[in-house]
Structure formats: structure tokens, C-alpha cells
N, C-alpha and C. Protein backbone atom coordinates (compact mmCIF):
# COMPACT_ATOMS: atom_id res chain seq x y z
N MET A 1 -48.14 98.54 189.38
CA MET A 1 -49.05 97.71 190.11
C MET A 1 -50.46 98.29 189.95
N VAL A 2 -51.39 97.45 189.54
CA VAL A 2 -52.75 97.89 189.31
C VAL A 2 -53.61 97.55 190.52
N GLN A 3 -54.36 98.55 190.97
CA GLN A 3 -55.28 98.34 192.09
C GLN A 3 -56.66 98.03 191.54
N VAL A 4 -57.22 96.89 191.94
CA VAL A 4 -58.53 96.49 191.46
C VAL A 4 -59.53 96.63 192.59
N THR A 5 -60.62 97.33 192.31
CA THR A 5 -61.70 97.49 193.27
C THR A 5 -63.00 97.11 192.59
N ARG A 6 -63.65 96.10 193.10
CA ARG A 6 -64.90 95.64 192.50
C ARG A 6 -66.08 96.17 193.32
N LYS A 7 -67.15 96.44 192.59
CA LYS A 7 -68.34 96.98 193.25
C LYS A 7 -69.18 95.84 193.83
N ASP A 8 -69.53 95.98 195.10
CA ASP A 8 -70.45 95.03 195.71
C ASP A 8 -71.88 95.44 195.36
N GLU A 9 -72.81 94.51 195.56
CA GLU A 9 -74.20 94.85 195.31
C GLU A 9 -74.68 95.93 196.29
N ARG A 10 -75.45 96.85 195.78
CA ARG A 10 -76.03 97.93 196.59
C ARG A 10 -74.98 98.80 197.31
N GLU A 11 -73.82 98.96 196.70
CA GLU A 11 -72.78 99.80 197.31
C GLU A 11 -72.76 101.16 196.59
N ALA A 12 -72.64 102.19 197.35
CA ALA A 12 -72.64 103.55 196.80
C ALA A 12 -71.32 103.83 196.08
N SER A 13 -71.38 104.70 195.08
CA SER A 13 -70.19 105.06 194.30
C SER A 13 -69.13 105.72 195.18
N GLU A 14 -69.56 106.53 196.14
CA GLU A 14 -68.62 107.21 197.03
C GLU A 14 -67.78 106.20 197.82
N ASN A 15 -68.43 105.12 198.25
CA ASN A 15 -67.72 104.10 199.01
C ASN A 15 -66.67 103.40 198.16
N ILE A 16 -66.99 103.15 196.90
CA ILE A 16 -66.02 102.52 196.01
C ILE A 16 -64.81 103.42 195.82
N ILE A 17 -65.06 104.69 195.58
CA ILE A 17 -63.96 105.64 195.39
C ILE A 17 -63.12 105.73 196.65
N ARG A 18 -63.76 105.77 197.80
CA ARG A 18 -63.04 105.84 199.07
C ARG A 18 -62.16 104.61 199.27
N ARG A 19 -62.72 103.41 198.98
CA ARG A 19 -61.94 102.18 199.13
C ARG A 19 -60.75 102.16 198.17
N PHE A 20 -60.99 102.59 196.93
CA PHE A 20 -59.91 102.63 195.94
C PHE A 20 -58.80 103.57 196.38
N ASN A 21 -59.17 104.77 196.82
CA ASN A 21 -58.17 105.75 197.27
C ASN A 21 -57.36 105.21 198.44
N ARG A 22 -58.03 104.53 199.37
CA ARG A 22 -57.33 103.97 200.52
C ARG A 22 -56.33 102.90 200.06
N LYS A 23 -56.73 102.05 199.11
CA LYS A 23 -55.84 101.00 198.59
C LYS A 23 -54.61 101.60 197.92
N VAL A 24 -54.84 102.65 197.14
CA VAL A 24 -53.72 103.30 196.44
C VAL A 24 -52.75 103.91 197.44
N LEU A 25 -53.28 104.59 198.45
CA LEU A 25 -52.41 105.20 199.46
C LEU A 25 -51.62 104.15 200.23
N GLN A 26 -52.26 103.07 200.61
CA GLN A 26 -51.60 102.03 201.38
C GLN A 26 -50.55 101.30 200.56
N SER A 27 -50.76 101.16 199.26
CA SER A 27 -49.80 100.44 198.42
C SER A 27 -48.53 101.25 198.17
N GLY A 28 -48.61 102.58 198.25
CA GLY A 28 -47.43 103.42 198.06
C GLY A 28 -47.14 103.73 196.61
N VAL A 29 -48.02 103.38 195.71
CA VAL A 29 -47.81 103.61 194.28
C VAL A 29 -47.73 105.11 194.00
N LEU A 30 -48.62 105.87 194.58
CA LEU A 30 -48.67 107.31 194.34
C LEU A 30 -47.41 108.01 194.84
N ALA A 31 -46.96 107.65 196.05
CA ALA A 31 -45.75 108.25 196.61
C ALA A 31 -44.53 107.93 195.75
N GLU A 32 -44.47 106.70 195.25
CA GLU A 32 -43.35 106.30 194.40
C GLU A 32 -43.35 107.07 193.09
N ALA A 33 -44.52 107.27 192.51
CA ALA A 33 -44.63 108.01 191.25
C ALA A 33 -44.21 109.47 191.45
N LYS A 34 -44.63 110.07 192.56
CA LYS A 34 -44.25 111.46 192.83
C LYS A 34 -42.75 111.58 193.06
N ALA A 35 -42.16 110.61 193.72
CA ALA A 35 -40.71 110.64 193.98
C ALA A 35 -39.94 110.57 192.68
N THR A 36 -40.38 109.74 191.74
CA THR A 36 -39.66 109.63 190.46
C THR A 36 -39.86 110.89 189.62
N MET A 37 -41.00 111.57 189.78
CA MET A 37 -41.22 112.81 189.04
C MET A 37 -40.25 113.89 189.49
N ARG A 38 -39.96 113.94 190.77
CA ARG A 38 -39.11 115.00 191.32
C ARG A 38 -37.62 114.69 191.21
N PHE A 39 -37.26 113.48 190.81
CA PHE A 39 -35.85 113.11 190.77
C PHE A 39 -35.13 113.90 189.70
N SER A 40 -33.98 114.43 190.05
CA SER A 40 -33.15 115.11 189.07
C SER A 40 -31.73 114.56 189.17
N LYS A 41 -31.08 114.48 188.05
CA LYS A 41 -29.73 113.92 188.03
C LYS A 41 -28.79 114.83 188.81
N PRO A 42 -27.82 114.25 189.51
CA PRO A 42 -26.88 115.08 190.26
C PRO A 42 -26.01 115.92 189.32
N LEU A 43 -25.86 117.18 189.68
CA LEU A 43 -25.06 118.10 188.87
C LEU A 43 -23.64 118.19 189.42
N SER A 44 -22.72 118.49 188.52
CA SER A 44 -21.34 118.69 188.97
C SER A 44 -21.24 120.05 189.64
N LYS A 45 -20.14 120.26 190.33
CA LYS A 45 -19.95 121.51 191.06
C LYS A 45 -19.95 122.72 190.11
N THR A 46 -19.30 122.57 188.97
CA THR A 46 -19.22 123.68 188.02
C THR A 46 -20.59 124.00 187.43
N GLU A 47 -21.39 122.97 187.15
CA GLU A 47 -22.73 123.21 186.61
C GLU A 47 -23.60 123.92 187.63
N ARG A 48 -23.50 123.51 188.90
CA ARG A 48 -24.28 124.17 189.95
C ARG A 48 -23.88 125.62 190.08
N ARG A 49 -22.58 125.90 190.03
CA ARG A 49 -22.11 127.28 190.14
C ARG A 49 -22.60 128.11 188.96
N ALA A 50 -22.54 127.55 187.76
CA ALA A 50 -22.96 128.29 186.57
C ALA A 50 -24.45 128.62 186.66
N LYS A 51 -25.27 127.67 187.09
CA LYS A 51 -26.70 127.93 187.23
C LYS A 51 -26.97 128.97 188.31
N ALA A 52 -26.19 128.94 189.40
CA ALA A 52 -26.37 129.91 190.47
C ALA A 52 -26.04 131.32 189.97
N ILE A 53 -24.99 131.44 189.18
CA ILE A 53 -24.61 132.74 188.63
C ILE A 53 -25.72 133.27 187.72
N ILE A 54 -26.26 132.42 186.88
CA ILE A 54 -27.35 132.84 185.98
C ILE A 54 -28.55 133.30 186.79
N ARG A 55 -28.89 132.53 187.85
CA ARG A 55 -30.03 132.91 188.69
C ARG A 55 -29.82 134.27 189.33
N LYS A 56 -28.61 134.50 189.86
CA LYS A 56 -28.32 135.79 190.50
C LYS A 56 -28.40 136.94 189.51
N GLU A 57 -27.90 136.72 188.30
CA GLU A 57 -27.95 137.77 187.28
C GLU A 57 -29.40 138.10 186.90
N ARG A 58 -30.21 137.07 186.73
CA ARG A 58 -31.62 137.29 186.39
C ARG A 58 -32.35 138.03 187.50
N LYS A 59 -32.06 137.65 188.75
CA LYS A 59 -32.72 138.31 189.88
C LYS A 59 -32.31 139.78 189.96
N ALA A 60 -31.01 140.06 189.77
CA ALA A 60 -30.54 141.44 189.81
C ALA A 60 -31.16 142.25 188.68
N ASP A 61 -31.26 141.66 187.50
CA ASP A 61 -31.87 142.35 186.36
C ASP A 61 -33.33 142.65 186.64
N LYS A 62 -34.03 141.70 187.23
CA LYS A 62 -35.44 141.88 187.55
C LYS A 62 -35.62 143.01 188.57
N LEU A 63 -34.75 143.04 189.60
CA LEU A 63 -34.83 144.10 190.61
C LEU A 63 -34.55 145.47 190.00
N ASN A 64 -33.55 145.54 189.11
CA ASN A 64 -33.23 146.82 188.47
C ASN A 64 -34.40 147.32 187.63
N LYS A 65 -35.04 146.41 186.90
CA LYS A 65 -36.19 146.81 186.08
C LYS A 65 -37.34 147.27 186.97
N ALA A 66 -37.53 146.61 188.11
CA ALA A 66 -38.61 147.00 189.02
C ALA A 66 -38.33 148.39 189.60
N ARG A 67 -37.08 148.68 189.88
CA ARG A 67 -36.72 149.99 190.42
C ARG A 67 -36.95 151.10 189.40
N LEU A 68 -36.72 150.76 188.11
CA LEU A 68 -36.90 151.75 187.06
C LEU A 68 -38.35 151.87 186.64
N GLY A 69 -39.20 150.98 187.11
CA GLY A 69 -40.61 151.03 186.78
C GLY A 69 -40.92 150.29 185.48
N LEU A 70 -39.97 149.52 185.00
CA LEU A 70 -40.20 148.70 183.81
C LEU A 70 -40.70 147.35 184.22
N ARG A 71 -41.16 146.59 183.26
CA ARG A 71 -41.64 145.24 183.58
C ARG A 71 -40.52 144.31 183.66
């Protein structure tokens, strides 16, 4: 959905931008776009477990390196 904002005579640029931003917020286009950006496909139980194991291993490795003074 395209939001159209036309400039009236003798209207300041700031007012046009403000009106446009208000129209976009009220239409919900921005919220919908952000929601679709964050959407991720549902994972199976085994995939979630595998990713959790990898995360824990990486975290433990990072802590061990920090304790040894390595990067």
C-alpha cells in the first residue's frame, strides 16, 4: 500500500514529513513489514535441540578461551 502525501502551498517540509510519518504509522504498513522480517519457520524438536547443543558448546568454548586469556 502506497501512502501519498501532497504538498500544500506555503507548507513547510517538516510538516509534510510529519504528516507522511503519521499516515504510515496509522496504516500499519511499517508494523506489518517488521513482523514479516522477524518471522521464522517453525523448527522441529530435534532441530531445536541440535541448535541448543551447538550454542552451549560454543558458549563453553568461549568461556574456556576467556579463562585461558585467549581470544
